Every structure is written in C-alpha cells, then in structure tokens.
C-alpha atoms as a PDB file:
ATOM      1  CA  MET A   1     111.183 122.641  81.856  1.00  0.00           C
ATOM      2  CA  THR A   2     112.035 123.039  78.732  1.00  0.00           C
ATOM      3  CA  PRO A   3     110.126 120.571  76.492  1.00  0.00           C
ATOM      4  CA  SER A   4     113.051 119.068  73.667  1.00  0.00           C
ATOM      5  CA  LYS A   5     112.835 116.490  70.966  1.00  0.00           C
ATOM      6  CA  LEU A   6     112.026 112.814  72.466  1.00  0.00           C
ATOM      7  CA  ARG A   7     115.224 109.760  72.044  1.00  0.00           C
ATOM      8  CA  GLU A   8     114.376 107.589  69.808  1.00  0.00           C
ATOM      9  CA  LYS A   9     116.849 105.398  70.955  1.00  0.00           C
ATOM     10  CA  VAL A  10     114.890 105.213  74.199  1.00  0.00           C
ATOM     11  CA  ILE A  11     111.987 105.310  72.910  1.00  0.00           C
ATOM     12  CA  THR A  12     113.183 101.828  71.119  1.00  0.00           C
ATOM     13  CA  GLU A  13     114.809 100.157  74.092  1.00  0.00           C
ATOM     14  CA  ARG A  14     111.130 100.931  76.098  1.00  0.00           C
ATOM     15  CA  VAL A  15     109.455  99.448  73.544  1.00  0.00           C
ATOM     16  CA  LYS A  16     112.113  96.535  73.338  1.00  0.00           C
ATOM     17  CA  TRP A  17     111.907  96.175  76.882  1.00  0.00           C
ATOM     18  CA  ILE A  18     107.756  95.917  76.948  1.00  0.00           C
ATOM     19  CA  ARG A  19     107.038  93.676  74.359  1.00  0.00           C
ATOM     20  CA  GLN A  20     109.792  91.061  75.783  1.00  0.00           C
ATOM     21  CA  MET A  21     108.315  90.883  78.854  1.00  0.00           C
ATOM     22  CA  LEU A  22     104.908  90.745  77.580  1.00  0.00           C
ATOM     23  CA  ALA A  23     106.923  87.747  75.639  1.00  0.00           C
ATOM     24  CA  GLU A  24     107.936  86.231  78.387  1.00  0.00           C
ATOM     25  CA  LEU A  25     104.140  86.744  80.680  1.00  0.00           C
ATOM     26  CA  ARG A  26     103.438  84.762  77.488  1.00  0.00           C
ATOM     27  CA  SER A  27     105.145  81.983  77.996  1.00  0.00           C
ATOM     28  CA  LEU A  28     104.108  81.142  81.270  1.00  0.00           C
ATOM     29  CA  PRO A  29     101.711  78.304  81.913  1.00  0.00           C
ATOM     30  CA  VAL A  30      98.958  79.837  82.368  1.00  0.00           C
ATOM     31  CA  ASP A  31      95.921  77.981  80.753  1.00  0.00           C
ATOM     32  CA  ASP A  32      95.560  76.122  83.887  1.00  0.00           C
ATOM     33  CA  PHE A  33      95.652  77.916  87.835  1.00  0.00           C
ATOM     34  CA  ASP A  34      97.274  74.698  89.119  1.00  0.00           C
ATOM     35  CA  THR A  35      99.775  74.498  86.704  1.00  0.00           C
ATOM     36  CA  PHE A  36     100.564  77.866  86.843  1.00  0.00           C
ATOM     37  CA  CYS A  37     101.072  77.963  90.641  1.00  0.00           C
ATOM     38  CA  SER A  38     102.791  74.243  90.899  1.00  0.00           C
ATOM     39  CA  ASP A  39     106.161  75.445  90.598  1.00  0.00           C
ATOM     40  CA  PRO A  40     107.025  78.761  92.512  1.00  0.00           C
ATOM     41  CA  LYS A  41     109.212  79.867  89.831  1.00  0.00           C
ATOM     42  CA  ASN A  42     106.330  80.927  87.789  1.00  0.00           C
ATOM     43  CA  ILE A  43     104.548  83.452  90.405  1.00  0.00           C
ATOM     44  CA  ALA A  44     107.686  85.231  91.114  1.00  0.00           C
ATOM     45  CA  ALA A  45     108.409  85.250  87.113  1.00  0.00           C
ATOM     46  CA  ALA A  46     104.899  86.836  86.447  1.00  0.00           C
ATOM     47  CA  GLU A  47     105.366  89.100  89.068  1.00  0.00           C
ATOM     48  CA  SER A  48     109.113  90.487  88.072  1.00  0.00           C
ATOM     49  CA  TYR A  49     108.401  90.482  84.542  1.00  0.00           C
ATOM     50  CA  LEU A  50     105.112  92.141  85.038  1.00  0.00           C
ATOM     51  CA  ARG A  51     106.381  94.928  86.927  1.00  0.00           C
ATOM     52  CA  ARG A  52     109.475  95.263  85.098  1.00  0.00           C
ATOM     53  CA  CYS A  53     107.038  95.754  81.782  1.00  0.00           C
ATOM     54  CA  LEU A  54     105.025  97.730  83.284  1.00  0.00           C
ATOM     55  CA  GLU A  55     107.318 100.690  84.779  1.00  0.00           C
ATOM     56  CA  ALA A  56     109.033 100.131  80.887  1.00  0.00           C
ATOM     57  CA  LEU A  57     105.511 101.846  79.833  1.00  0.00           C
ATOM     58  CA  LEU A  58     105.766 104.262  82.446  1.00  0.00           C
ATOM     59  CA  ASP A  59     109.170 104.923  81.913  1.00  0.00           C
ATOM     60  CA  LEU A  60     107.784 105.726  78.250  1.00  0.00           C
ATOM     61  CA  GLY A  61     104.686 108.131  79.064  1.00  0.00           C
ATOM     62  CA  ARG A  62     107.713 110.183  81.008  1.00  0.00           C
ATOM     63  CA  HIS A  63     109.951 110.619  78.742  1.00  0.00           C
ATOM     64  CA  ILE A  64     107.311 111.476  76.318  1.00  0.00           C
ATOM     65  CA  LEU A  65     105.761 114.171  78.669  1.00  0.00           C
ATOM     66  CA  ALA A  66     110.088 115.600  79.481  1.00  0.00           C
ATOM     67  CA  LYS A  67     111.303 115.444  76.367  1.00  0.00           C
ATOM     68  CA  GLY A  68     108.136 116.320  74.098  1.00  0.00           C
ATOM     69  CA  PHE A  69     106.640 118.636  76.733  1.00  0.00           C
ATOM     70  CA  GLY A  70     108.987 119.485  79.404  1.00  0.00           C
ATOM     71  CA  GLN A  71     106.655 117.712  82.362  1.00  0.00           C
ATOM     72  CA  ALA A  72     108.496 116.927  84.528  1.00  0.00           C
ATOM     73  CA  VAL A  73     106.007 113.916  86.744  1.00  0.00           C
ATOM     74  CA  ALA A  74     106.588 113.127  90.074  1.00  0.00           C
ATOM     75  CA  GLU A  75     104.138 109.861  90.185  1.00  0.00           C
ATOM     76  CA  TYR A  76     103.173 107.072  87.770  1.00  0.00           C
ATOM     77  CA  LYS A  77      99.801 107.457  88.015  1.00  0.00           C
ATOM     78  CA  GLN A  78     100.247 111.357  86.959  1.00  0.00           C
ATOM     79  CA  ILE A  79     102.158 110.056  83.901  1.00  0.00           C
ATOM     80  CA  ALA A  80      98.460 108.551  82.376  1.00  0.00           C
ATOM     81  CA  SER A  81      96.249 112.042  83.396  1.00  0.00           C
ATOM     82  CA  GLU A  82      99.566 114.327  82.012  1.00  0.00           C
ATOM     83  CA  LEU A  83      99.313 111.872  78.570  1.00  0.00           C
ATOM     84  CA  MET A  84      95.896 112.435  78.016  1.00  0.00           C
ATOM     85  CA  ASN A  85      96.353 116.091  79.114  1.00  0.00           C
ATOM     86  CA  PHE A  86      98.620 116.269  75.873  1.00  0.00           C
ATOM     87  CA  GLU A  87      95.950 114.150  73.935  1.00  0.00           C
ATOM     88  CA  VAL A  88      98.487 111.619  73.412  1.00  0.00           C
ATOM     89  CA  ILE A  89      96.473 108.888  75.168  1.00  0.00           C
ATOM     90  CA  SER A  90      92.440 109.075  75.233  1.00  0.00           C
ATOM     91  CA  LYS A  91      90.609 109.471  78.490  1.00  0.00           C
ATOM     92  CA  ASP A  92      89.509 105.496  78.312  1.00  0.00           C
ATOM     93  CA  GLN A  93      93.257 104.897  78.078  1.00  0.00           C
ATOM     94  CA  ALA A  94      94.448 107.046  80.817  1.00  0.00           C
ATOM     95  CA  LYS A  95      91.804 105.613  83.253  1.00  0.00           C
ATOM     96  CA  ASN A  96      93.260 102.165  82.224  1.00  0.00           C
ATOM     97  CA  LEU A  97      96.944 103.287  82.704  1.00  0.00           C
ATOM     98  CA  GLN A  98      96.244 105.073  85.871  1.00  0.00           C
ATOM     99  CA  ILE A  99      94.902 101.231  87.697  1.00  0.00           C
ATOM    100  CA  LEU A 100      98.103 100.150  85.718  1.00  0.00           C
ATOM    101  CA  ALA A 101      99.960 102.408  87.616  1.00  0.00           C
ATOM    102  CA  GLY A 102      98.284 101.552  90.673  1.00  0.00           C
ATOM    103  CA  TYR A 103      99.006  98.081  90.321  1.00  0.00           C
ATOM    104  CA  ARG A 104     102.635  98.858  89.919  1.00  0.00           C
ATOM    105  CA  ASN A 105     102.577 100.469  92.946  1.00  0.00           C
ATOM    106  CA  ARG A 106     100.442  97.546  94.575  1.00  0.00           C
ATOM    107  CA  MET A 107     103.641  95.100  93.732  1.00  0.00           C
ATOM    108  CA  VAL A 108     106.583  97.406  94.733  1.00  0.00           C
ATOM    109  CA  HIS A 109     105.118  98.899  97.957  1.00  0.00           C
ATOM    110  CA  PHE A 110     102.770  96.267  98.959  1.00  0.00           C
ATOM    111  CA  TYR A 111     104.078  93.088  97.563  1.00  0.00           C
ATOM    112  CA  HIS A 112     102.883  90.838 100.020  1.00  0.00           C
ATOM    113  CA  GLU A 113      99.318  91.222  99.339  1.00  0.00           C
ATOM    114  CA  ILE A 114      99.886  90.456  95.535  1.00  0.00           C
ATOM    115  CA  THR A 115      98.210  86.614  95.448  1.00  0.00           C
ATOM    116  CA  ASP A 116      98.727  84.258  93.179  1.00  0.00           C
ATOM    117  CA  HIS A 117      95.313  83.765  91.694  1.00  0.00           C
ATOM    118  CA  GLU A 118      95.282  87.309  91.321  1.00  0.00           C
ATOM    119  CA  LEU A 119      99.024  87.597  89.674  1.00  0.00           C
ATOM    120  CA  PHE A 120      97.549  84.479  86.892  1.00  0.00           C
ATOM    121  CA  GLU A 121      94.316  86.676  86.641  1.00  0.00           C
ATOM    122  CA  ILE A 122      96.505  89.392  84.868  1.00  0.00           C
ATOM    123  CA  CYS A 123      99.383  86.983  82.808  1.00  0.00           C
ATOM    124  CA  SER A 124      96.101  84.947  81.667  1.00  0.00           C
ATOM    125  CA  SER A 125      93.413  87.606  80.529  1.00  0.00           C
ATOM    126  CA  ASP A 126      94.596  90.873  81.636  1.00  0.00           C
ATOM    127  CA  LEU A 127      97.861  91.702  79.214  1.00  0.00           C
ATOM    128  CA  GLY A 128      95.658  92.503  76.359  1.00  0.00           C
ATOM    129  CA  ASP A 129      95.475  95.649  78.307  1.00  0.00           C
ATOM    130  CA  VAL A 130      99.389  97.200  78.224  1.00  0.00           C
ATOM    131  CA  GLU A 131      99.125  95.920  74.303  1.00  0.00           C
ATOM    132  CA  HIS A 132      96.384  98.459  73.264  1.00  0.00           C
ATOM    133  CA  LEU A 133      98.127 101.364  75.514  1.00  0.00           C
ATOM    134  CA  LEU A 134     101.564 100.562  73.668  1.00  0.00           C
ATOM    135  CA  THR A 135      99.803 100.917  70.523  1.00  0.00           C
ATOM    136  CA  ALA A 136      98.067 104.392  71.397  1.00  0.00           C
ATOM    137  CA  VAL A 137     101.573 105.650  72.301  1.00  0.00           C
ATOM    138  CA  LEU A 138     103.395 104.198  68.924  1.00  0.00           C
ATOM    139  CA  LYS A 139     101.015 105.647  67.013  1.00  0.00           C
ATOM    140  CA  TRP A 140     101.257 108.882  68.902  1.00  0.00           C
ATOM    141  CA  ILE A 141     104.440 108.691  67.724  1.00  0.00           C
ATOM    142  CA  ARG A 142     104.742 107.806  64.280  1.00  0.00           C
ATOM    143  CA  GLU A 143     101.832 110.412  64.604  1.00  0.00           C
ATOM    144  CA  ASN A 144     104.208 113.015  66.169  1.00  0.00           C
ATOM    145  CA  PRO A 145     108.188 112.513  63.928  1.00  0.00           C
ATOM    146  CA  GLU A 146     108.659 115.821  64.172  1.00  0.00           C
ATOM    147  CA  LYS A 147     109.166 115.444  67.897  1.00  0.00           C
ATOM    148  CA  ILE A 148     112.123 112.768  67.445  1.00  0.00           C
ATOM    149  CA  ASP A 149     115.873 113.041  68.118  1.00  0.00           C
ATOM    150  CA  ARG A 150     117.027 110.630  65.190  1.00  0.00           C
ATOM    151  CA  ALA A 151     120.773 111.187  66.415  1.00  0.00           C
ATOM    152  CA  LEU A 152     122.133 108.260  68.308  1.00  0.00           C
END
C-alpha cells in the first residue's frame, strides 16, 4: 500500500462513535453488581456498547496505519504493535490495546464465555483504558497535521 493522508471525516466519525459508546456505557447502572444484573438489558447493552467502542478504536488505528503509513493490518491485535512501531502509541499503550483487541475478539468469537461480572467490572472500572488510548491517538493526530486530508 502507498501512504496517503488520513481522512478527517473518518477520524471524526470514529472518535464521535467511541465517545458516544463510552457515554452509553457510563449511563448504565454500574455502581452495584446486583442492580446492573437486575435488568438483562443492561448486560446486553454493556456488551454491545463495549464491543462497538473497541471496534471503532481499532478501526481508527487501522485507518492511521493504512492511510498514514501504507501498512495493511489483517488482525486487530496487530494494530497495536504496528501503531507502536510507527510511534503513534507507546509500548505500554500497545500492550493495553492488544489486551482490548483480544477482549473484542473474545466478545465476538467466545461470547458465551463472557460473564456478567466481567462486563460489570470493565464498565465500572476499566473504561479509562479506552479513553487513555483515544487520547494518545488524538495527541499523535494533532502533532501530525500534515498527515490529515481535511477535504469533505
């Protein structure tokens, strides 16, 4: 692949989606496990919002790699290591993104193994990991304005 410019519209859409999914996750009753589980719709919503949030974050990384560096990536976990190789994110952030990519894969392929308690813990304690990664990616984008195509 030949590197080109990142599409501002794609970046904006993915960031908006990630933030929307995080807001929806935070609107769920995650102060108490029993309350969270009292309505099965909370569990289904948490799983859907979290999966879509992670997919959007990984798709944003894939867009940066494909357009900004001409690097095609087939697997979600590989996105993390390639973003680190191109110094978009740090080594620690790449480790965290690999964990999130693995969790997304579990949600899609081993959905029957995801427990209510696991979802509750992530929604009540770990959403900051997604925010930190998004912040790191956005920082890199702001520091590299020449890589952005701002055309509609």
